């Protein structure tokens, strides 16, 4: 699946890049070695610019 096909797990909207759901750090690509842990580097919802785990959309 490429980046343009990813959907937000909460609202089903488009995503762009990744965002840590702990510290808010952003990255263009998934960072498995992120300091908070790779599992916290999740897709970022374009509707609200939040990590998909915190999406209020």
C-alpha atoms as a PDB file:
ATOM      1  CA  UNK A   1       0.000   0.000   0.000  1.00  0.00           C
ATOM      2  CA  UNK A   2       1.477   3.378  -0.879  1.00  0.00           C
ATOM      3  CA  UNK A   3       1.170   6.616   1.112  1.00  0.00           C
ATOM      4  CA  UNK A   4      -1.712   7.989  -0.987  1.00  0.00           C
ATOM      5  CA  UNK A   5      -3.807   4.893  -0.218  1.00  0.00           C
ATOM      6  CA  UNK A   6      -3.438   5.024   3.572  1.00  0.00           C
ATOM      7  CA  UNK A   7      -6.575   5.882   5.522  1.00  0.00           C
ATOM      8  CA  UNK A   8      -6.961   7.151   9.072  1.00  0.00           C
ATOM      9  CA  UNK A   9      -7.874   4.281  11.388  1.00  0.00           C
ATOM     10  CA  UNK A  10     -10.361   6.484  13.296  1.00  0.00           C
ATOM     11  CA  UNK A  11     -12.238   8.460  10.611  1.00  0.00           C
ATOM     12  CA  UNK A  12     -11.254   6.791   7.338  1.00  0.00           C
ATOM     13  CA  UNK A  13      -9.962  10.070   5.912  1.00  0.00           C
ATOM     14  CA  UNK A  14      -6.677  10.590   4.100  1.00  0.00           C
ATOM     15  CA  UNK A  15      -3.356  10.525   5.908  1.00  0.00           C
ATOM     16  CA  UNK A  16      -0.049  12.181   5.184  1.00  0.00           C
ATOM     17  CA  UNK A  17       3.194  11.311   6.885  1.00  0.00           C
ATOM     18  CA  UNK A  18       3.462  10.035  10.423  1.00  0.00           C
ATOM     19  CA  UNK A  19       3.123  11.528  13.888  1.00  0.00           C
ATOM     20  CA  UNK A  20       4.095  10.191  17.297  1.00  0.00           C
ATOM     21  CA  UNK A  21       1.016   9.744  19.477  1.00  0.00           C
ATOM     22  CA  UNK A  22       3.136  10.354  22.587  1.00  0.00           C
ATOM     23  CA  UNK A  23       5.377  13.375  21.889  1.00  0.00           C
ATOM     24  CA  UNK A  24       3.894  14.760  18.646  1.00  0.00           C
ATOM     25  CA  UNK A  25       7.079  14.463  16.571  1.00  0.00           C
ATOM     26  CA  UNK A  26       6.367  14.265  12.837  1.00  0.00           C
ATOM     27  CA  UNK A  27       8.131  12.323  10.093  1.00  0.00           C
ATOM     28  CA  UNK A  28       7.628  11.807   6.364  1.00  0.00           C
ATOM     29  CA  UNK A  29       8.194   8.057   6.739  1.00  0.00           C
ATOM     30  CA  UNK A  30       7.531   5.576   9.527  1.00  0.00           C
ATOM     31  CA  UNK A  31      10.377   5.699  12.064  1.00  0.00           C
ATOM     32  CA  UNK A  32      10.689   2.277  13.714  1.00  0.00           C
ATOM     33  CA  UNK A  33      13.590   3.623  15.809  1.00  0.00           C
ATOM     34  CA  UNK A  34      11.706   6.677  17.157  1.00  0.00           C
ATOM     35  CA  UNK A  35      12.635   7.457  20.765  1.00  0.00           C
ATOM     36  CA  UNK A  36       9.072   6.793  22.044  1.00  0.00           C
ATOM     37  CA  UNK A  37       9.018   3.456  20.214  1.00  0.00           C
ATOM     38  CA  UNK A  38       8.153   2.602  16.617  1.00  0.00           C
ATOM     39  CA  UNK A  39       4.625   1.608  17.583  1.00  0.00           C
ATOM     40  CA  UNK A  40       3.867   5.207  18.546  1.00  0.00           C
ATOM     41  CA  UNK A  41       4.860   6.517  15.102  1.00  0.00           C
ATOM     42  CA  UNK A  42       1.435   6.288  13.434  1.00  0.00           C
ATOM     43  CA  UNK A  43      -0.225   7.795  10.374  1.00  0.00           C
ATOM     44  CA  UNK A  44      -1.221  11.467  10.624  1.00  0.00           C
ATOM     45  CA  UNK A  45      -4.808  12.373   9.690  1.00  0.00           C
ATOM     46  CA  UNK A  46      -4.978  15.250   7.178  1.00  0.00           C
ATOM     47  CA  UNK A  47      -8.353  16.376   8.522  1.00  0.00           C
ATOM     48  CA  UNK A  48      -7.102  17.277  11.995  1.00  0.00           C
ATOM     49  CA  UNK A  49      -3.301  16.883  11.700  1.00  0.00           C
ATOM     50  CA  UNK A  50      -3.321  14.558  14.713  1.00  0.00           C
ATOM     51  CA  UNK A  51      -1.859  11.091  15.096  1.00  0.00           C
ATOM     52  CA  UNK A  52      -4.610   8.724  13.967  1.00  0.00           C
ATOM     53  CA  UNK A  53      -4.917   7.315  17.494  1.00  0.00           C
ATOM     54  CA  UNK A  54      -5.967  10.815  18.699  1.00  0.00           C
ATOM     55  CA  UNK A  55      -8.139  11.742  15.690  1.00  0.00           C
ATOM     56  CA  UNK A  56     -11.323  13.605  16.768  1.00  0.00           C
ATOM     57  CA  UNK A  57     -12.786  13.757  13.232  1.00  0.00           C
END
